[in-house]
């Protein structure tokens, strides 16, 4: 099928300060491609906070699920975390898309890799 690009937003929350960080991205719907973040014009974004603090990815919201890709893999500082997120479960009309969150260290670079 033809790849259909879609948009998304990833939200972080710093456990210590409670501050949130929202990062908009575009996904190409191409297997093994990384999403591109609007704020950095790059394929990674850094979770803000002081050294040693824990930041949780508390939400990922997609404008639509991919046609050619069905999952997002979370990559932190170049290491695949093993977290696989089903795209159809992250569409913006679904409540409670990411219960529990995904903890990472502040300052870590975060990438989302699209998987078929």
N, C-alpha and C. Protein backbone atom coordinates (compact mmCIF):
# COMPACT_ATOMS: atom_id res chain seq x y z
N UNK A 1 0.84 -1.19 0.00
CA UNK A 1 0.00 0.00 0.00
C UNK A 1 0.88 1.25 0.00
N UNK A 2 0.27 2.37 -0.29
CA UNK A 2 1.01 3.63 -0.33
C UNK A 2 1.17 4.19 1.08
N UNK A 3 2.39 4.59 1.39
CA UNK A 3 2.67 5.20 2.70
C UNK A 3 1.89 6.51 2.82
N UNK A 4 1.33 6.74 4.00
CA UNK A 4 0.56 7.95 4.26
C UNK A 4 1.12 8.62 5.50
N UNK A 5 1.80 9.75 5.30
CA UNK A 5 2.41 10.47 6.42
C UNK A 5 1.33 10.91 7.42
N UNK A 6 1.72 10.98 8.69
CA UNK A 6 0.81 11.46 9.73
C UNK A 6 1.62 12.24 10.76
N UNK A 7 0.90 12.98 11.60
CA UNK A 7 1.54 13.83 12.61
C UNK A 7 1.28 13.26 14.00
N UNK A 8 2.09 13.71 14.93
CA UNK A 8 1.91 13.27 16.31
C UNK A 8 2.51 14.25 17.29
N UNK A 9 2.24 14.00 18.56
CA UNK A 9 2.79 14.79 19.66
C UNK A 9 3.22 13.84 20.76
N UNK A 10 4.41 14.04 21.28
CA UNK A 10 4.90 13.27 22.42
C UNK A 10 5.02 14.23 23.60
N UNK A 11 4.51 13.79 24.76
CA UNK A 11 4.53 14.62 25.96
C UNK A 11 5.36 13.96 27.05
N UNK A 12 6.28 14.74 27.61
CA UNK A 12 7.11 14.30 28.73
C UNK A 12 6.66 15.03 29.99
N UNK A 13 6.85 14.40 31.17
CA UNK A 13 6.64 15.10 32.44
C UNK A 13 7.82 14.77 33.36
N UNK A 14 8.43 15.84 33.89
CA UNK A 14 9.53 15.68 34.83
C UNK A 14 8.95 15.29 36.18
N UNK A 15 9.41 14.17 36.74
CA UNK A 15 8.86 13.68 38.01
C UNK A 15 9.13 14.63 39.17
N UNK A 16 10.27 15.29 39.17
CA UNK A 16 10.65 16.16 40.29
C UNK A 16 9.91 17.50 40.24
N UNK A 17 9.90 18.13 39.07
CA UNK A 17 9.33 19.48 38.96
C UNK A 17 7.88 19.49 38.49
N UNK A 18 7.44 18.40 37.85
CA UNK A 18 6.08 18.36 37.30
C UNK A 18 5.95 19.09 35.97
N UNK A 19 7.02 19.70 35.50
CA UNK A 19 6.95 20.43 34.23
C UNK A 19 6.75 19.46 33.07
N UNK A 20 5.97 19.92 32.09
CA UNK A 20 5.73 19.10 30.90
C UNK A 20 6.47 19.69 29.71
N UNK A 21 6.74 18.84 28.76
CA UNK A 21 7.40 19.21 27.51
C UNK A 21 6.65 18.49 26.40
N UNK A 22 6.17 19.23 25.43
CA UNK A 22 5.46 18.64 24.30
C UNK A 22 6.29 18.81 23.03
N UNK A 23 6.39 17.75 22.28
CA UNK A 23 7.17 17.77 21.05
C UNK A 23 6.33 17.24 19.90
N UNK A 24 6.11 18.09 18.89
CA UNK A 24 5.37 17.69 17.69
C UNK A 24 6.31 16.98 16.73
N UNK A 25 5.78 15.99 16.02
CA UNK A 25 6.59 15.27 15.04
C UNK A 25 5.76 14.87 13.84
N UNK A 26 6.48 14.52 12.78
CA UNK A 26 5.86 13.99 11.56
C UNK A 26 6.44 12.61 11.31
N UNK A 27 5.57 11.66 11.01
CA UNK A 27 5.98 10.30 10.67
C UNK A 27 5.70 10.07 9.19
N UNK A 28 6.63 9.44 8.52
CA UNK A 28 6.51 9.23 7.07
C UNK A 28 5.71 7.98 6.71
N UNK A 29 5.46 7.11 7.70
CA UNK A 29 4.77 5.83 7.47
C UNK A 29 5.63 4.89 6.63
N UNK A 30 6.95 5.00 6.78
CA UNK A 30 7.89 4.13 6.08
C UNK A 30 8.61 3.27 7.13
N UNK A 31 8.60 1.96 6.93
CA UNK A 31 9.19 1.04 7.91
C UNK A 31 10.66 1.37 8.16
N UNK A 32 11.04 1.34 9.43
CA UNK A 32 12.39 1.58 9.93
C UNK A 32 12.85 3.03 9.84
N UNK A 33 11.97 3.94 9.43
CA UNK A 33 12.31 5.36 9.41
C UNK A 33 12.04 5.96 10.78
N UNK A 34 12.82 6.98 11.14
CA UNK A 34 12.61 7.70 12.39
C UNK A 34 11.68 8.88 12.14
N UNK A 35 10.86 9.22 13.13
CA UNK A 35 10.00 10.39 12.99
C UNK A 35 10.87 11.64 13.03
N UNK A 36 10.37 12.75 12.51
CA UNK A 36 11.10 14.02 12.48
C UNK A 36 10.39 15.01 13.40
N UNK A 37 11.14 15.59 14.34
CA UNK A 37 10.57 16.52 15.32
C UNK A 37 10.60 17.95 14.81
N UNK A 38 9.51 18.66 15.00
CA UNK A 38 9.38 20.04 14.51
C UNK A 38 10.35 20.98 15.23
N UNK A 39 10.55 20.80 16.54
CA UNK A 39 11.36 21.74 17.32
C UNK A 39 12.85 21.65 17.01
N UNK A 40 13.30 20.49 16.54
CA UNK A 40 14.73 20.32 16.29
C UNK A 40 15.05 20.13 14.82
N UNK A 41 14.05 19.97 13.99
CA UNK A 41 14.23 19.63 12.57
C UNK A 41 15.18 18.44 12.44
N UNK A 42 15.01 17.50 13.36
CA UNK A 42 15.89 16.35 13.45
C UNK A 42 15.07 15.11 13.76
N UNK A 43 15.74 13.96 13.87
CA UNK A 43 15.02 12.73 14.19
C UNK A 43 15.15 12.35 15.66
N UNK A 44 15.59 13.30 16.50
CA UNK A 44 15.62 13.05 17.94
C UNK A 44 15.29 14.34 18.69
N UNK A 45 14.87 14.17 19.94
CA UNK A 45 14.60 15.30 20.82
C UNK A 45 15.16 14.95 22.18
N UNK A 46 15.58 15.96 22.96
CA UNK A 46 16.11 15.68 24.28
C UNK A 46 15.05 15.95 25.34
N UNK A 47 14.95 15.01 26.29
CA UNK A 47 14.05 15.17 27.42
C UNK A 47 14.68 16.18 28.38
N UNK A 48 13.99 17.29 28.65
CA UNK A 48 14.55 18.35 29.47
C UNK A 48 14.50 18.03 30.96
N UNK A 49 15.52 18.48 31.66
CA UNK A 49 15.60 18.30 33.10
C UNK A 49 17.04 18.30 33.55
N UNK A 50 17.25 18.31 34.86
CA UNK A 50 18.60 18.29 35.42
C UNK A 50 19.14 16.88 35.48
N UNK A 51 20.47 16.77 35.50
CA UNK A 51 21.11 15.46 35.54
C UNK A 51 20.60 14.65 36.73
N UNK A 52 20.28 13.40 36.47
CA UNK A 52 19.80 12.50 37.52
C UNK A 52 18.29 12.47 37.67
N UNK A 53 17.60 13.46 37.11
CA UNK A 53 16.14 13.47 37.21
C UNK A 53 15.54 12.47 36.24
N UNK A 54 14.37 11.98 36.61
CA UNK A 54 13.63 11.05 35.75
C UNK A 54 12.49 11.81 35.08
N UNK A 55 12.36 11.59 33.79
CA UNK A 55 11.31 12.19 32.99
C UNK A 55 10.50 11.03 32.40
N UNK A 56 9.19 11.15 32.46
CA UNK A 56 8.31 10.11 31.90
C UNK A 56 7.72 10.58 30.58
N UNK A 57 7.71 9.70 29.59
CA UNK A 57 6.90 9.94 28.40
C UNK A 57 5.49 9.57 28.82
N UNK A 58 4.63 10.58 28.98
CA UNK A 58 3.28 10.30 29.52
C UNK A 58 2.21 10.18 28.45
N UNK A 59 2.53 10.63 27.22
CA UNK A 59 1.52 10.52 26.17
C UNK A 59 2.19 10.61 24.80
N UNK A 60 1.67 9.86 23.87
CA UNK A 60 1.99 9.98 22.46
C UNK A 60 0.65 9.95 21.74
N UNK A 61 0.38 11.02 21.01
CA UNK A 61 -0.90 11.16 20.32
C UNK A 61 -0.64 11.27 18.82
N UNK A 62 -1.35 10.46 18.04
CA UNK A 62 -1.19 10.46 16.59
C UNK A 62 -2.45 11.00 15.90
N UNK A 63 -2.26 11.69 14.79
CA UNK A 63 -3.42 12.19 14.02
C UNK A 63 -4.13 11.03 13.33
N UNK A 64 -3.39 9.98 13.03
CA UNK A 64 -3.94 8.77 12.39
C UNK A 64 -2.95 7.64 12.59
N UNK A 65 -3.42 6.42 12.44
CA UNK A 65 -2.51 5.27 12.49
C UNK A 65 -1.87 5.12 11.12
N UNK A 66 -0.66 4.58 11.08
CA UNK A 66 0.02 4.36 9.81
C UNK A 66 -0.68 3.31 8.96
N UNK A 67 -0.47 3.39 7.67
CA UNK A 67 -1.00 2.41 6.73
C UNK A 67 0.04 1.30 6.53
N UNK A 68 1.28 1.70 6.28
CA UNK A 68 2.36 0.74 6.06
C UNK A 68 3.10 0.38 7.35
N UNK A 69 2.98 1.19 8.36
CA UNK A 69 3.61 0.91 9.66
C UNK A 69 2.53 0.78 10.72
N UNK A 70 2.74 -0.12 11.67
CA UNK A 70 1.71 -0.36 12.68
C UNK A 70 2.20 -0.08 14.10
N UNK A 71 3.51 0.05 14.28
CA UNK A 71 4.05 0.24 15.62
C UNK A 71 5.12 1.32 15.63
N UNK A 72 5.37 1.86 16.84
CA UNK A 72 6.49 2.76 17.07
C UNK A 72 7.39 2.10 18.11
N UNK A 73 8.69 2.09 17.85
CA UNK A 73 9.68 1.60 18.81
C UNK A 73 10.29 2.83 19.47
N UNK A 74 10.46 2.78 20.80
CA UNK A 74 11.06 3.88 21.54
C UNK A 74 12.56 3.61 21.65
N UNK A 75 13.36 4.57 21.18
CA UNK A 75 14.82 4.48 21.21
C UNK A 75 15.34 5.62 22.07
N UNK A 76 16.12 5.30 23.11
CA UNK A 76 16.63 6.30 24.04
C UNK A 76 18.15 6.29 24.00
N UNK A 77 18.73 7.43 23.68
CA UNK A 77 20.19 7.58 23.58
C UNK A 77 20.81 6.48 22.71
N UNK A 78 20.14 6.20 21.59
CA UNK A 78 20.64 5.23 20.62
C UNK A 78 20.37 3.77 20.94
N UNK A 79 19.73 3.50 22.08
CA UNK A 79 19.45 2.12 22.49
C UNK A 79 17.96 1.83 22.37
N UNK A 80 17.61 0.76 21.67
CA UNK A 80 16.22 0.35 21.58
C UNK A 80 15.77 -0.12 22.96
N UNK A 81 14.71 0.46 23.48
CA UNK A 81 14.23 0.13 24.82
C UNK A 81 13.42 -1.16 24.86
N UNK A 82 13.00 -1.64 23.70
CA UNK A 82 12.12 -2.80 23.65
C UNK A 82 10.65 -2.43 23.76
N UNK A 83 10.36 -1.16 24.01
CA UNK A 83 8.97 -0.69 24.06
C UNK A 83 8.42 -0.63 22.65
N UNK A 84 7.29 -1.29 22.41
CA UNK A 84 6.60 -1.27 21.13
C UNK A 84 5.20 -0.73 21.36
N UNK A 85 4.87 0.33 20.67
CA UNK A 85 3.58 0.99 20.85
C UNK A 85 2.75 0.83 19.58
N UNK A 86 1.60 0.27 19.72
CA UNK A 86 0.70 0.04 18.59
C UNK A 86 0.10 1.36 18.15
N UNK A 87 0.32 1.73 16.91
CA UNK A 87 -0.14 3.01 16.39
C UNK A 87 -1.64 3.22 16.53
N UNK A 88 -2.42 2.19 16.29
CA UNK A 88 -3.88 2.34 16.37
C UNK A 88 -4.34 2.63 17.80
N UNK A 89 -3.53 2.32 18.79
CA UNK A 89 -3.86 2.62 20.18
C UNK A 89 -3.41 3.99 20.63
N UNK A 90 -2.77 4.75 19.73
CA UNK A 90 -2.27 6.08 20.07
C UNK A 90 -2.99 7.20 19.33
N UNK A 91 -4.02 6.86 18.56
CA UNK A 91 -4.77 7.87 17.81
C UNK A 91 -5.42 8.84 18.80
N UNK A 92 -5.42 10.11 18.45
CA UNK A 92 -5.82 11.18 19.37
C UNK A 92 -7.23 11.04 19.93
N UNK A 93 -8.11 10.30 19.28
CA UNK A 93 -9.49 10.16 19.77
C UNK A 93 -9.61 9.13 20.90
N UNK A 94 -8.53 8.41 21.19
CA UNK A 94 -8.55 7.39 22.24
C UNK A 94 -8.11 8.00 23.57
N UNK A 95 -8.89 7.78 24.62
CA UNK A 95 -8.51 8.26 25.95
C UNK A 95 -7.49 7.30 26.56
N UNK A 96 -6.65 7.80 27.45
CA UNK A 96 -5.71 6.97 28.19
C UNK A 96 -4.81 6.17 27.26
N UNK A 97 -4.18 6.86 26.32
CA UNK A 97 -3.37 6.21 25.29
C UNK A 97 -2.13 5.52 25.84
N UNK A 98 -1.51 6.09 26.86
CA UNK A 98 -0.24 5.55 27.36
C UNK A 98 -0.27 5.51 28.89
N UNK A 99 -1.09 4.62 29.46
CA UNK A 99 -1.19 4.57 30.92
C UNK A 99 0.13 4.13 31.54
N UNK A 100 0.54 4.80 32.59
CA UNK A 100 1.78 4.43 33.28
C UNK A 100 3.01 5.17 32.81
N UNK A 101 3.07 5.51 31.56
CA UNK A 101 4.21 6.24 31.04
C UNK A 101 5.45 5.38 30.85
N UNK A 102 6.47 5.98 30.24
CA UNK A 102 7.74 5.32 29.99
C UNK A 102 8.84 6.18 30.63
N UNK A 103 9.52 5.69 31.68
CA UNK A 103 10.54 6.49 32.36
C UNK A 103 11.87 6.52 31.60
N UNK A 104 12.48 7.72 31.55
CA UNK A 104 13.81 7.88 30.97
C UNK A 104 14.56 8.92 31.80
N UNK A 105 15.86 8.99 31.64
CA UNK A 105 16.67 9.99 32.34
C UNK A 105 16.62 11.32 31.60
N UNK A 106 16.53 12.39 32.38
CA UNK A 106 16.56 13.73 31.79
C UNK A 106 17.86 13.89 30.99
N UNK A 107 17.78 14.58 29.88
CA UNK A 107 18.93 14.80 29.01
C UNK A 107 19.11 13.73 27.96
N UNK A 108 18.37 12.64 28.06
CA UNK A 108 18.46 11.56 27.08
C UNK A 108 17.86 12.01 25.76
N UNK A 109 18.43 11.52 24.67
CA UNK A 109 17.83 11.79 23.35
C UNK A 109 16.79 10.69 23.10
N UNK A 110 15.66 11.09 22.57
CA UNK A 110 14.55 10.15 22.35
C UNK A 110 14.20 10.16 20.86
N UNK A 111 14.08 8.95 20.31
CA UNK A 111 13.67 8.77 18.93
C UNK A 111 12.50 7.80 18.90
N UNK A 112 11.66 7.95 17.90
CA UNK A 112 10.60 6.99 17.63
C UNK A 112 10.85 6.40 16.26
N UNK A 113 10.96 5.09 16.20
CA UNK A 113 11.22 4.38 14.95
C UNK A 113 9.94 3.68 14.51
N UNK A 114 9.56 3.87 13.25
CA UNK A 114 8.35 3.29 12.71
C UNK A 114 8.62 1.84 12.28
N UNK A 115 7.72 0.95 12.68
CA UNK A 115 7.88 -0.47 12.36
C UNK A 115 6.66 -0.98 11.60
N UNK A 116 6.90 -1.89 10.66
CA UNK A 116 5.81 -2.50 9.89
C UNK A 116 5.12 -3.56 10.72
